[in-house]
Structure formats: structure tokens, C-alpha cells
Amino acid sequence: MTAPAAGPPLLEAATTETLVSPLRLREALGRFATGVTIITCLDSDIGRVGLTASSFNALSLEPPLVLWSLRRESAQMPAFARAEHFVVNVLAEDQLPLSRRFASRRDDKFDEGDWLPGEGGAPVLAGCAAVFECETFSRQDAGDHVLFIGHVLALAQTALPPLVYHAGHYHGLGGTF
């Protein structure tokens, strides 16, 4: 029996750092491909609120929990901090323009797309790859962000290919946009 050939080291000494700067951390995290979402809620003071986020993830199957994070300094933080419900709209490849729209500071974000009220009135976007309608389960302080944990009350999914974000660019399963 022969030993397997040694491959290249997983991390070379020249690529590791002992001090982690915010810029280098952001660059390294950008190497992880994520889906793209529009997170929405309904605020009693200002109405529909939404933003583009790639910080969404599964947390638990029993009970059904998901999480996402929001920078403390975000203008939308007060609305999400008050919200009892939120929706995670997982964007399909053809919804790239909506991702850019909700990543902007514009006031008329909901003027594009087909929106319906979901749990607690939180906006649900039609044509998504998946939708998770959630009741806010908890909020956790975590550094310069707040983690929002949601109990999934309803969901929907389609066979549409998702929009993906990697290394500062949008991608589809067929290539870079």
C-alpha cells in the first residue's frame, strides 16, 4: 500500500495574519459565496422597510429558526428592532435590479417588484427562489451588528436559480453578472 501523494498546504504561511484588520477580514469573508436576500418588515411609524442582505443563514430545524445580521448604525435598525415579524426574500437571478435598488438609500424601494403582505404585514416579494416569513424570536448584540433570529412561520420555494454574491460581485449559477 502506498501513501497518498502530499498535496499543497491548506494555508501557506504568507497568507495567514496574526492581526485581523476590518478591511482584510471583509476581503477574506468575501471569498465565501452567499445568497442574496431582501429582508423586509412593516413598521408602524414608517410603513414598509427593506434592505439587501447576504448575512442570512439557517440556525435550527427543530424549532425552525433562521438568522441574519444588521449593522447597528443602519438607518433601518430602529424599524427592525421594533418589528415582531420579518421576511427573508431569497432573490432569484433575474432579481438583480431589485437587489441593487434595496442596497441603495432611495426612498421608493417598494415601487418595483410585486409585493404582498405576509405574516404581521411584512412585505413578501413574488418571484423569489425562496421566502421565509418569520416571527422575531430574539435579537442578540454581536460586536458592531445585531443578530436577528426568526422563528419560521411560513415558507415558499421555487426551482428558480438563486442570485449569488461572491468577492464583491453578483453571480448566477451560470456565471458573473
N, C-alpha and C. Protein backbone atom coordinates (compact mmCIF):
# COMPACT_ATOMS: atom_id res chain seq x y z
N MET A 1 0.84 -1.16 0.00
CA MET A 1 0.00 0.00 0.00
C MET A 1 0.90 1.24 0.00
N THR A 2 0.62 2.16 -0.89
CA THR A 2 1.42 3.38 -0.95
C THR A 2 0.68 4.52 -0.31
N ALA A 3 1.44 5.42 0.27
CA ALA A 3 0.85 6.59 0.91
C ALA A 3 0.39 7.57 -0.15
N PRO A 4 -0.71 8.28 0.10
CA PRO A 4 -1.15 9.27 -0.88
C PRO A 4 -0.11 10.37 -1.03
N ALA A 5 -0.05 10.90 -2.24
CA ALA A 5 0.90 11.99 -2.50
C ALA A 5 0.50 13.21 -1.69
N ALA A 6 1.49 13.87 -1.16
CA ALA A 6 1.23 15.08 -0.38
C ALA A 6 0.80 16.20 -1.31
N GLY A 7 -0.28 16.86 -0.96
CA GLY A 7 -0.76 17.98 -1.76
C GLY A 7 -0.23 19.29 -1.20
N PRO A 8 -0.61 20.39 -1.80
CA PRO A 8 -0.17 21.70 -1.29
C PRO A 8 -0.77 21.95 0.08
N PRO A 9 -0.07 22.70 0.91
CA PRO A 9 -0.62 23.00 2.23
C PRO A 9 -1.91 23.79 2.09
N LEU A 10 -2.82 23.58 3.05
CA LEU A 10 -4.10 24.29 3.01
C LEU A 10 -3.90 25.79 3.10
N LEU A 11 -3.03 26.22 3.97
CA LEU A 11 -2.73 27.64 4.11
C LEU A 11 -1.22 27.80 4.13
N GLU A 12 -0.74 28.65 3.30
CA GLU A 12 0.69 28.92 3.31
C GLU A 12 0.96 30.04 4.31
N ALA A 13 2.12 30.01 4.94
CA ALA A 13 2.45 30.99 5.97
C ALA A 13 2.30 32.42 5.48
N ALA A 14 2.58 32.66 4.23
CA ALA A 14 2.50 34.02 3.70
C ALA A 14 1.06 34.53 3.62
N THR A 15 0.06 33.64 3.67
CA THR A 15 -1.33 34.09 3.53
C THR A 15 -2.04 34.24 4.87
N THR A 16 -1.41 33.86 5.96
CA THR A 16 -2.07 33.99 7.26
C THR A 16 -1.63 35.27 7.95
N GLU A 17 -2.50 35.79 8.81
CA GLU A 17 -2.21 37.01 9.55
C GLU A 17 -2.50 36.79 11.02
N THR A 18 -1.69 37.38 11.86
CA THR A 18 -1.96 37.31 13.28
C THR A 18 -2.82 38.47 13.74
N LEU A 19 -2.76 39.62 13.06
CA LEU A 19 -3.62 40.75 13.37
C LEU A 19 -4.67 40.86 12.27
N VAL A 20 -5.92 40.94 12.66
CA VAL A 20 -7.00 40.95 11.70
C VAL A 20 -7.57 42.36 11.62
N SER A 21 -7.34 43.02 10.51
CA SER A 21 -7.90 44.35 10.30
C SER A 21 -9.31 44.21 9.71
N PRO A 22 -10.17 45.19 9.92
CA PRO A 22 -11.51 45.12 9.34
C PRO A 22 -11.49 44.96 7.81
N LEU A 23 -10.58 45.64 7.14
CA LEU A 23 -10.51 45.54 5.68
C LEU A 23 -10.12 44.13 5.24
N ARG A 24 -9.08 43.57 5.87
CA ARG A 24 -8.64 42.22 5.50
C ARG A 24 -9.71 41.18 5.84
N LEU A 25 -10.41 41.38 6.97
CA LEU A 25 -11.48 40.46 7.33
C LEU A 25 -12.59 40.51 6.29
N ARG A 26 -12.96 41.72 5.89
CA ARG A 26 -14.01 41.87 4.87
C ARG A 26 -13.59 41.20 3.56
N GLU A 27 -12.33 41.39 3.16
CA GLU A 27 -11.84 40.76 1.93
C GLU A 27 -11.89 39.23 2.03
N ALA A 28 -11.45 38.70 3.16
CA ALA A 28 -11.45 37.24 3.33
C ALA A 28 -12.88 36.69 3.39
N LEU A 29 -13.78 37.39 4.08
CA LEU A 29 -15.17 36.95 4.13
C LEU A 29 -15.81 36.98 2.75
N GLY A 30 -15.36 37.89 1.90
CA GLY A 30 -15.87 37.99 0.54
C GLY A 30 -15.57 36.77 -0.31
N ARG A 31 -14.67 35.93 0.14
CA ARG A 31 -14.35 34.70 -0.59
C ARG A 31 -15.42 33.63 -0.37
N PHE A 32 -16.32 33.87 0.59
CA PHE A 32 -17.41 32.93 0.87
C PHE A 32 -18.62 33.36 0.05
N ALA A 33 -19.07 32.51 -0.85
CA ALA A 33 -20.23 32.82 -1.68
C ALA A 33 -21.50 32.74 -0.83
N THR A 34 -22.37 33.72 -1.00
CA THR A 34 -23.64 33.73 -0.26
C THR A 34 -24.80 33.99 -1.21
N GLY A 35 -25.97 33.63 -0.76
CA GLY A 35 -27.16 34.03 -1.47
C GLY A 35 -27.43 35.50 -1.19
N VAL A 36 -28.33 36.07 -1.95
CA VAL A 36 -28.68 37.48 -1.78
C VAL A 36 -30.16 37.55 -1.38
N THR A 37 -30.44 38.34 -0.35
CA THR A 37 -31.81 38.44 0.14
C THR A 37 -32.24 39.90 0.23
N ILE A 38 -33.53 40.09 0.25
CA ILE A 38 -34.11 41.36 0.67
C ILE A 38 -34.90 41.03 1.93
N ILE A 39 -34.48 41.63 3.04
CA ILE A 39 -35.14 41.42 4.32
C ILE A 39 -36.14 42.57 4.50
N THR A 40 -37.36 42.26 4.88
CA THR A 40 -38.41 43.27 4.99
C THR A 40 -39.15 43.16 6.32
N CYS A 41 -39.74 44.28 6.72
CA CYS A 41 -40.64 44.30 7.87
C CYS A 41 -41.65 45.43 7.64
N LEU A 42 -42.65 45.47 8.48
CA LEU A 42 -43.63 46.55 8.44
C LEU A 42 -43.50 47.31 9.75
N ASP A 43 -43.17 48.59 9.64
CA ASP A 43 -43.00 49.44 10.81
C ASP A 43 -44.25 50.29 11.00
N SER A 44 -44.75 50.35 12.22
CA SER A 44 -45.98 51.11 12.48
C SER A 44 -45.82 52.60 12.23
N ASP A 45 -44.59 53.11 12.32
CA ASP A 45 -44.35 54.54 12.11
C ASP A 45 -44.10 54.90 10.65
N ILE A 46 -43.29 54.10 9.96
CA ILE A 46 -42.87 54.49 8.61
C ILE A 46 -43.34 53.57 7.50
N GLY A 47 -44.02 52.49 7.83
CA GLY A 47 -44.54 51.58 6.80
C GLY A 47 -43.54 50.49 6.44
N ARG A 48 -43.51 50.14 5.14
CA ARG A 48 -42.65 49.05 4.68
C ARG A 48 -41.18 49.44 4.73
N VAL A 49 -40.36 48.54 5.23
CA VAL A 49 -38.92 48.75 5.35
C VAL A 49 -38.24 47.53 4.73
N GLY A 50 -37.16 47.77 3.98
CA GLY A 50 -36.44 46.65 3.38
C GLY A 50 -35.02 47.01 3.06
N LEU A 51 -34.18 45.98 3.00
CA LEU A 51 -32.77 46.16 2.68
C LEU A 51 -32.21 44.88 2.08
N THR A 52 -31.16 45.04 1.30
CA THR A 52 -30.45 43.89 0.74
C THR A 52 -29.47 43.38 1.78
N ALA A 53 -29.44 42.05 1.95
CA ALA A 53 -28.51 41.45 2.91
C ALA A 53 -28.02 40.11 2.39
N SER A 54 -26.77 39.81 2.67
CA SER A 54 -26.23 38.49 2.35
C SER A 54 -25.86 37.75 3.63
N SER A 55 -26.24 38.30 4.77
CA SER A 55 -25.87 37.72 6.06
C SER A 55 -26.92 36.75 6.59
N PHE A 56 -27.64 36.09 5.73
CA PHE A 56 -28.72 35.18 6.12
C PHE A 56 -28.19 33.76 6.22
N ASN A 57 -28.72 32.99 7.20
CA ASN A 57 -28.30 31.60 7.34
C ASN A 57 -29.34 30.80 8.12
N ALA A 58 -29.28 29.49 7.96
CA ALA A 58 -30.10 28.59 8.76
C ALA A 58 -29.51 28.50 10.15
N LEU A 59 -30.37 28.30 11.15
CA LEU A 59 -29.90 28.16 12.52
C LEU A 59 -30.35 26.84 13.13
N SER A 60 -31.63 26.47 12.95
CA SER A 60 -32.16 25.27 13.59
C SER A 60 -33.32 24.72 12.77
N LEU A 61 -33.41 23.39 12.72
CA LEU A 61 -34.57 22.76 12.08
C LEU A 61 -35.69 22.51 13.08
N GLU A 62 -35.36 22.24 14.33
CA GLU A 62 -36.32 21.99 15.40
C GLU A 62 -35.97 22.82 16.61
N PRO A 63 -36.55 23.93 16.85
CA PRO A 63 -37.60 24.57 16.07
C PRO A 63 -37.02 25.21 14.81
N PRO A 64 -37.86 25.56 13.85
CA PRO A 64 -37.36 26.16 12.61
C PRO A 64 -36.91 27.61 12.82
N LEU A 65 -35.59 27.81 12.87
CA LEU A 65 -35.03 29.14 13.12
C LEU A 65 -34.04 29.51 12.03
N VAL A 66 -34.06 30.78 11.66
CA VAL A 66 -33.08 31.35 10.73
C VAL A 66 -32.49 32.60 11.39
N LEU A 67 -31.39 33.08 10.84
CA LEU A 67 -30.80 34.30 11.38
C LEU A 67 -30.24 35.17 10.27
N TRP A 68 -30.12 36.44 10.59
CA TRP A 68 -29.46 37.41 9.72
C TRP A 68 -28.92 38.50 10.62
N SER A 69 -28.02 39.31 10.09
CA SER A 69 -27.44 40.37 10.93
C SER A 69 -27.55 41.72 10.23
N LEU A 70 -27.59 42.76 11.07
CA LEU A 70 -27.70 44.13 10.59
C LEU A 70 -26.74 45.00 11.37
N ARG A 71 -26.01 45.83 10.64
CA ARG A 71 -25.07 46.77 11.27
C ARG A 71 -25.85 47.72 12.18
N ARG A 72 -25.34 47.91 13.40
CA ARG A 72 -26.01 48.78 14.38
C ARG A 72 -26.31 50.16 13.85
N GLU A 73 -25.41 50.69 13.02
CA GLU A 73 -25.55 52.06 12.52
C GLU A 73 -26.50 52.18 11.34
N SER A 74 -27.09 51.08 10.90
CA SER A 74 -28.00 51.11 9.76
C SER A 74 -29.20 52.02 10.06
N ALA A 75 -29.61 52.76 9.06
CA ALA A 75 -30.79 53.63 9.21
C ALA A 75 -32.05 52.80 9.44
N GLN A 76 -32.05 51.54 9.03
CA GLN A 76 -33.23 50.68 9.20
C GLN A 76 -33.26 49.97 10.55
N MET A 77 -32.20 50.11 11.36
CA MET A 77 -32.14 49.40 12.63
C MET A 77 -33.34 49.67 13.54
N PRO A 78 -33.78 50.92 13.72
CA PRO A 78 -34.92 51.14 14.62
C PRO A 78 -36.18 50.36 14.20
N ALA A 79 -36.45 50.31 12.91
CA ALA A 79 -37.64 49.60 12.42
C ALA A 79 -37.51 48.10 12.69
N PHE A 80 -36.38 47.51 12.37
CA PHE A 80 -36.22 46.07 12.59
C PHE A 80 -36.15 45.74 14.08
N ALA A 81 -35.62 46.65 14.88
CA ALA A 81 -35.57 46.42 16.33
C ALA A 81 -36.97 46.39 16.94
N ARG A 82 -37.91 47.12 16.34
CA ARG A 82 -39.30 47.15 16.83
C ARG A 82 -40.15 46.04 16.22
N ALA A 83 -39.74 45.50 15.10
CA ALA A 83 -40.58 44.58 14.33
C ALA A 83 -40.79 43.25 15.06
N GLU A 84 -42.02 42.80 15.06
CA GLU A 84 -42.35 41.48 15.61
C GLU A 84 -42.27 40.41 14.54
N HIS A 85 -42.27 40.82 13.28
CA HIS A 85 -42.18 39.89 12.15
C HIS A 85 -41.21 40.46 11.12
N PHE A 86 -40.57 39.58 10.38
CA PHE A 86 -39.78 39.97 9.22
C PHE A 86 -39.85 38.87 8.18
N VAL A 87 -39.50 39.22 6.94
CA VAL A 87 -39.49 38.25 5.84
C VAL A 87 -38.12 38.26 5.21
N VAL A 88 -37.61 37.07 4.94
CA VAL A 88 -36.36 36.90 4.19
C VAL A 88 -36.77 36.45 2.79
N ASN A 89 -36.58 37.34 1.81
CA ASN A 89 -36.88 37.06 0.42
C ASN A 89 -35.57 36.70 -0.27
N VAL A 90 -35.38 35.41 -0.59
CA VAL A 90 -34.14 34.94 -1.23
C VAL A 90 -34.29 35.20 -2.73
N LEU A 91 -33.44 36.09 -3.25
CA LEU A 91 -33.62 36.54 -4.62
C LEU A 91 -33.22 35.51 -5.66
N ALA A 92 -33.97 35.52 -6.76
CA ALA A 92 -33.65 34.72 -7.94
C ALA A 92 -32.70 35.53 -8.82
N GLU A 93 -32.03 34.84 -9.74
CA GLU A 93 -31.05 35.50 -10.62
C GLU A 93 -31.62 36.73 -11.31
N ASP A 94 -32.87 36.67 -11.77
CA ASP A 94 -33.43 37.78 -12.53
C ASP A 94 -33.85 38.97 -11.65
N GLN A 95 -33.61 38.89 -10.35
CA GLN A 95 -33.99 39.97 -9.44
C GLN A 95 -32.80 40.84 -9.04
N LEU A 96 -31.72 40.76 -9.80
CA LEU A 96 -30.53 41.58 -9.54
C LEU A 96 -30.88 43.07 -9.42
N PRO A 97 -31.68 43.65 -10.33
CA PRO A 97 -32.00 45.08 -10.18
C PRO A 97 -32.67 45.40 -8.83
N LEU A 98 -33.49 44.50 -8.31
CA LEU A 98 -34.11 44.74 -7.00
C LEU A 98 -33.08 44.70 -5.89
N SER A 99 -32.10 43.82 -6.01
CA SER A 99 -31.03 43.77 -5.01
C SER A 99 -30.32 45.11 -4.96
N ARG A 100 -29.97 45.65 -6.10
CA ARG A 100 -29.28 46.95 -6.16
C ARG A 100 -30.18 48.07 -5.62
N ARG A 101 -31.45 48.01 -5.96
CA ARG A 101 -32.40 49.03 -5.51
C ARG A 101 -32.49 49.05 -3.98
N PHE A 102 -32.58 47.86 -3.37
CA PHE A 102 -32.71 47.78 -1.91
C PHE A 102 -31.39 47.97 -1.18
N ALA A 103 -30.29 47.94 -1.90
CA ALA A 103 -28.98 48.25 -1.32
C ALA A 103 -28.72 49.75 -1.33
N SER A 104 -29.56 50.51 -2.03
CA SER A 104 -29.38 51.96 -2.15
C SER A 104 -30.09 52.68 -1.02
N ARG A 105 -29.93 54.00 -1.00
CA ARG A 105 -30.59 54.84 0.02
C ARG A 105 -31.89 55.44 -0.49
N ARG A 106 -32.37 55.02 -1.63
CA ARG A 106 -33.57 55.62 -2.20
C ARG A 106 -34.79 55.36 -1.32
N ASP A 107 -35.76 56.25 -1.42
CA ASP A 107 -36.97 56.16 -0.60
C ASP A 107 -38.07 55.32 -1.24
N ASP A 108 -38.01 55.13 -2.56
CA ASP A 108 -39.09 54.45 -3.28
C ASP A 108 -38.76 52.99 -3.59
N LYS A 109 -38.10 52.31 -2.69
CA LYS A 109 -37.65 50.94 -2.95
C LYS A 109 -38.78 50.00 -3.35
N PHE A 110 -39.94 50.14 -2.74
CA PHE A 110 -41.04 49.21 -2.98
C PHE A 110 -41.86 49.55 -4.23
N ASP A 111 -41.44 50.56 -4.98
CA ASP A 111 -42.15 50.90 -6.22
C ASP A 111 -41.89 49.89 -7.33
N GLU A 112 -40.92 49.04 -7.18
CA GLU A 112 -40.62 47.98 -8.15
C GLU A 112 -40.84 46.64 -7.47
N GLY A 113 -41.23 45.64 -8.25
CA GLY A 113 -41.48 44.30 -7.72
C GLY A 113 -42.94 44.13 -7.34
N ASP A 114 -43.36 42.87 -7.26
CA ASP A 114 -44.72 42.53 -6.85
C ASP A 114 -44.70 42.13 -5.38
N TRP A 115 -45.31 42.96 -4.54
CA TRP A 115 -45.26 42.79 -3.09
C TRP A 115 -46.63 42.46 -2.54
N LEU A 116 -46.68 41.52 -1.62
CA LEU A 116 -47.89 41.15 -0.91
C LEU A 116 -47.61 41.17 0.58
N PRO A 117 -48.61 41.44 1.41
CA PRO A 117 -48.38 41.40 2.86
C PRO A 117 -48.27 39.95 3.35
N GLY A 118 -47.26 39.70 4.16
CA GLY A 118 -47.07 38.38 4.76
C GLY A 118 -47.40 38.43 6.24
N GLU A 119 -46.79 37.53 7.00
CA GLU A 119 -47.01 37.46 8.45
C GLU A 119 -46.74 38.83 9.08
N GLY A 120 -47.67 39.30 9.88
CA GLY A 120 -47.53 40.59 10.54
C GLY A 120 -47.47 41.76 9.59
N GLY A 121 -47.88 41.56 8.32
CA GLY A 121 -47.85 42.62 7.32
C GLY A 121 -46.51 42.83 6.65
N ALA A 122 -45.48 42.06 7.03
CA ALA A 122 -44.16 42.23 6.42
C ALA A 122 -44.23 41.89 4.93
N PRO A 123 -43.62 42.70 4.07
CA PRO A 123 -43.72 42.50 2.63
C PRO A 123 -43.04 41.23 2.12
N VAL A 124 -43.79 40.50 1.28
CA VAL A 124 -43.30 39.29 0.61
C VAL A 124 -43.18 39.61 -0.87
N LEU A 125 -42.02 39.32 -1.44
CA LEU A 125 -41.74 39.58 -2.85
C LEU A 125 -42.06 38.35 -3.69
N ALA A 126 -42.85 38.54 -4.75
CA ALA A 126 -43.16 37.44 -5.67
C ALA A 126 -41.95 37.15 -6.56
N GLY A 127 -41.84 35.91 -7.00
CA GLY A 127 -40.81 35.52 -7.96
C GLY A 127 -39.46 35.20 -7.35
N CYS A 128 -39.41 35.00 -6.04
CA CYS A 128 -38.14 34.69 -5.36
C CYS A 128 -37.80 33.21 -5.48
N ALA A 129 -36.55 32.89 -5.22
CA ALA A 129 -36.13 31.49 -5.15
C ALA A 129 -36.72 30.84 -3.91
N ALA A 130 -36.80 31.59 -2.81
CA ALA A 130 -37.41 31.11 -1.57
C ALA A 130 -37.84 32.31 -0.74
N VAL A 131 -38.79 32.08 0.15
CA VAL A 131 -39.28 33.11 1.07
C VAL A 131 -39.46 32.47 2.44
N PHE A 132 -38.99 33.17 3.47
CA PHE A 132 -39.16 32.73 4.85
C PHE A 132 -39.87 33.84 5.63
N GLU A 133 -41.11 33.57 6.05
CA GLU A 133 -41.87 34.53 6.84
C GLU A 133 -41.65 34.18 8.31
N CYS A 134 -41.16 35.14 9.08
CA CYS A 134 -40.69 34.86 10.44
C CYS A 134 -41.30 35.76 11.49
N GLU A 135 -41.45 35.19 12.66
CA GLU A 135 -41.74 35.95 13.86
C GLU A 135 -40.39 36.17 14.54
N THR A 136 -40.13 37.38 15.00
CA THR A 136 -38.85 37.65 15.66
C THR A 136 -38.77 36.81 16.93
N PHE A 137 -37.77 35.95 16.99
CA PHE A 137 -37.56 35.04 18.12
C PHE A 137 -36.65 35.70 19.15
N SER A 138 -35.57 36.33 18.67
CA SER A 138 -34.68 37.07 19.57
C SER A 138 -33.78 37.99 18.77
N ARG A 139 -33.18 38.92 19.48
CA ARG A 139 -32.18 39.82 18.94
C ARG A 139 -30.96 39.71 19.85
N GLN A 140 -29.79 39.56 19.26
CA GLN A 140 -28.57 39.39 20.04
C GLN A 140 -27.54 40.43 19.62
N ASP A 141 -27.01 41.17 20.60
CA ASP A 141 -25.91 42.08 20.31
C ASP A 141 -24.68 41.26 19.97
N ALA A 142 -24.00 41.65 18.90
CA ALA A 142 -22.81 40.92 18.46
C ALA A 142 -21.85 41.90 17.79
N GLY A 143 -20.95 42.49 18.57
CA GLY A 143 -19.99 43.44 18.01
C GLY A 143 -20.70 44.65 17.44
N ASP A 144 -20.38 44.99 16.19
CA ASP A 144 -21.00 46.16 15.57
C ASP A 144 -22.30 45.82 14.83
N HIS A 145 -22.81 44.61 15.05
CA HIS A 145 -24.05 44.16 14.42
C HIS A 145 -25.02 43.65 15.49
N VAL A 146 -26.26 43.48 15.06
CA VAL A 146 -27.28 42.81 15.85
C VAL A 146 -27.72 41.59 15.04
N LEU A 147 -27.75 40.43 15.70
CA LEU A 147 -28.25 39.21 15.08
C LEU A 147 -29.76 39.15 15.30
N PHE A 148 -30.50 38.96 14.23
CA PHE A 148 -31.94 38.78 14.30
C PHE A 148 -32.23 37.31 14.06
N ILE A 149 -32.85 36.68 15.04
CA ILE A 149 -33.20 35.28 14.92
C ILE A 149 -34.71 35.20 14.74
N GLY A 150 -35.12 34.50 13.70
CA GLY A 150 -36.54 34.41 13.39
C GLY A 150 -37.06 32.99 13.46
N HIS A 151 -38.25 32.84 14.01
CA HIS A 151 -38.95 31.57 14.01
C HIS A 151 -39.76 31.52 12.72
N VAL A 152 -39.48 30.56 11.86
CA VAL A 152 -40.13 30.48 10.55
C VAL A 152 -41.56 30.01 10.74
N LEU A 153 -42.50 30.86 10.31
CA LEU A 153 -43.93 30.55 10.42
C LEU A 153 -44.49 30.03 9.11
N ALA A 154 -43.92 30.48 8.00
CA ALA A 154 -44.37 30.07 6.67
C ALA A 154 -43.18 30.18 5.72
N LEU A 155 -43.21 29.37 4.67
CA LEU A 155 -42.14 29.45 3.67
C LEU A 155 -42.67 29.06 2.31
N ALA A 156 -41.92 29.43 1.31
CA ALA A 156 -42.23 29.06 -0.07
C ALA A 156 -40.90 28.90 -0.81
N GLN A 157 -40.90 28.06 -1.83
CA GLN A 157 -39.70 27.89 -2.64
C GLN A 157 -40.09 27.58 -4.08
N THR A 158 -39.18 27.91 -4.98
CA THR A 158 -39.38 27.62 -6.39
C THR A 158 -38.10 26.97 -6.93
N ALA A 159 -38.14 26.55 -8.16
CA ALA A 159 -36.96 25.96 -8.80
C ALA A 159 -36.11 27.02 -9.49
N LEU A 160 -36.40 28.29 -9.26
CA LEU A 160 -35.63 29.37 -9.89
C LEU A 160 -34.20 29.38 -9.36
N PRO A 161 -33.21 29.62 -10.22
CA PRO A 161 -31.83 29.70 -9.73
C PRO A 161 -31.63 30.97 -8.88
N PRO A 162 -30.90 30.85 -7.77
CA PRO A 162 -30.72 31.99 -6.88
C PRO A 162 -29.66 32.97 -7.38
N LEU A 163 -29.77 34.20 -6.92
CA LEU A 163 -28.74 35.21 -7.13
C LEU A 163 -27.68 34.98 -6.06
N VAL A 164 -26.40 35.03 -6.45
CA VAL A 164 -25.29 34.75 -5.55
C VAL A 164 -24.35 35.94 -5.51
N TYR A 165 -23.72 36.16 -4.35
CA TYR A 165 -22.74 37.24 -4.19
C TYR A 165 -21.42 36.62 -3.75
N HIS A 166 -20.34 36.97 -4.46
CA HIS A 166 -19.02 36.43 -4.14
C HIS A 166 -17.95 37.42 -4.57
N ALA A 167 -17.01 37.69 -3.67
CA ALA A 167 -15.85 38.53 -3.96
C ALA A 167 -16.24 39.90 -4.54
N GLY A 168 -17.32 40.47 -3.99
CA GLY A 168 -17.73 41.81 -4.39
C GLY A 168 -18.53 41.88 -5.68
N HIS A 169 -18.97 40.74 -6.20
CA HIS A 169 -19.72 40.72 -7.46
C HIS A 169 -20.93 39.79 -7.36
N TYR A 170 -21.95 40.14 -8.13
CA TYR A 170 -23.11 39.26 -8.25
C TYR A 170 -22.79 38.16 -9.24
N HIS A 171 -23.35 36.98 -8.97
CA HIS A 171 -23.17 35.83 -9.86
C HIS A 171 -24.50 35.11 -9.96
N GLY A 172 -24.64 34.40 -11.05
CA GLY A 172 -25.72 33.43 -11.18
C GLY A 172 -25.06 32.08 -11.23
N LEU A 173 -25.84 31.06 -11.21
CA LEU A 173 -25.24 29.74 -11.30
C LEU A 173 -24.58 29.52 -12.65
N GLY A 174 -24.92 30.39 -13.62
CA GLY A 174 -24.32 30.29 -14.95
C GLY A 174 -23.13 31.22 -15.17
N GLY A 175 -22.80 32.10 -14.22
CA GLY A 175 -21.65 32.99 -14.41
C GLY A 175 -21.81 34.32 -13.70
N THR A 176 -20.84 35.20 -13.93
CA THR A 176 -20.80 36.51 -13.30
C THR A 176 -21.67 37.50 -14.05
N PHE A 177 -22.33 38.39 -13.32
CA PHE A 177 -23.11 39.47 -13.94
C PHE A 177 -22.33 40.75 -13.89
